[in-house]
Amino acid sequence: MDRSAHPELQNIVKELEKVKQQDAVLAQIEERLYRMKDIAQYAAANDLDEKEAAKLNEEIQEQLAAIQKLKIDYADL
């Protein structure tokens, strides 16, 4: 079947590709959110010294920054 003869099919294929890209971005965000959850659970379960707490806070901030960057980079999806 010739795709050029079916503009509706072309639109559906484009939309499918867009959804695949969105899914990939959401998977990356989900991975970072789970990492943040793991950090928070670890911090809640352990008596952290200042240095370790600061390190974990920094890692959470890095994860948040990465999520924000993904949201900005893929805002047009």
Protein backbone atom coordinates (compact mmCIF):
# COMPACT_ATOMS: atom_id res chain seq x y z
CA MET A 1 0.00 0.00 0.00
CA ASP A 2 1.39 3.39 -1.00
CA ARG A 3 1.46 5.69 2.03
CA SER A 4 1.51 8.83 -0.10
CA ALA A 5 -1.90 7.86 -1.47
CA HIS A 6 -3.34 7.87 2.03
CA PRO A 7 -2.82 11.16 3.88
CA GLU A 8 -4.87 9.90 6.82
CA LEU A 9 -2.50 6.95 7.19
CA GLN A 10 0.46 9.34 7.08
CA ASN A 11 -1.09 11.39 9.87
CA ILE A 12 -1.65 8.28 11.96
CA VAL A 13 1.96 7.17 11.46
CA LYS A 14 3.22 10.64 12.47
CA GLU A 15 1.00 10.59 15.55
CA LEU A 16 2.27 7.13 16.48
CA GLU A 17 5.87 8.32 16.27
CA LYS A 18 5.02 11.31 18.44
CA VAL A 19 3.41 9.04 21.05
CA LYS A 20 6.47 6.78 21.03
CA GLN A 21 8.70 9.80 21.70
CA GLN A 22 6.41 10.98 24.49
CA ASP A 23 6.49 7.51 26.03
CA ALA A 24 10.29 7.47 25.97
CA VAL A 25 10.47 10.86 27.69
CA LEU A 26 7.94 9.82 30.31
CA ALA A 27 9.95 6.65 30.97
CA GLN A 28 13.04 8.78 31.60
CA ILE A 29 11.10 11.03 33.97
CA GLU A 30 9.65 8.02 35.76
CA GLU A 31 13.12 6.55 36.25
CA ARG A 32 14.33 9.78 37.83
CA LEU A 33 11.27 10.01 40.07
CA TYR A 34 11.86 6.46 41.33
CA ARG A 35 15.47 7.38 42.07
CA MET A 36 14.27 10.36 44.07
CA LYS A 37 11.83 8.12 45.94
CA ASP A 38 14.63 5.70 46.77
CA ILE A 39 16.74 8.55 48.10
CA ALA A 40 13.88 9.86 50.24
CA GLN A 41 13.14 6.42 51.64
CA TYR A 42 16.80 5.87 52.44
CA ALA A 43 17.02 9.24 54.17
CA ALA A 44 13.87 8.57 56.19
CA ALA A 45 15.09 5.14 57.31
CA ASN A 46 18.60 6.22 58.31
CA ASP A 47 20.13 8.72 60.68
CA LEU A 48 22.16 10.81 58.24
CA ASP A 49 24.98 13.12 59.13
CA GLU A 50 25.06 16.60 57.58
CA LYS A 51 27.47 15.64 54.83
CA GLU A 52 25.46 12.64 53.68
CA ALA A 53 22.18 14.57 53.86
CA ALA A 54 23.68 17.36 51.77
CA LYS A 55 24.94 14.87 49.20
CA LEU A 56 21.51 13.23 48.92
CA ASN A 57 19.81 16.63 48.67
CA GLU A 58 22.21 17.55 45.88
CA GLU A 59 21.36 14.34 44.03
CA ILE A 60 17.64 15.05 44.38
CA GLN A 61 18.20 18.55 43.00
CA GLU A 62 20.13 17.08 40.06
CA GLN A 63 17.26 14.69 39.34
CA LEU A 64 14.77 17.57 39.49
CA ALA A 65 16.93 19.65 37.14
CA ALA A 66 17.14 16.76 34.69
CA ILE A 67 13.36 16.36 34.76
CA GLN A 68 12.88 20.08 34.13
CA LYS A 69 15.31 19.91 31.22
CA LEU A 70 13.40 16.98 29.70
CA LYS A 71 10.14 18.91 30.08
CA ILE A 72 11.64 21.94 28.33
CA ASP A 73 13.45 19.99 25.62
CA TYR A 74 10.37 18.00 24.72
CA ALA A 75 7.66 20.57 25.42
CA ASP A 76 6.61 20.53 21.76
CA LEU A 77 5.69 16.83 21.87
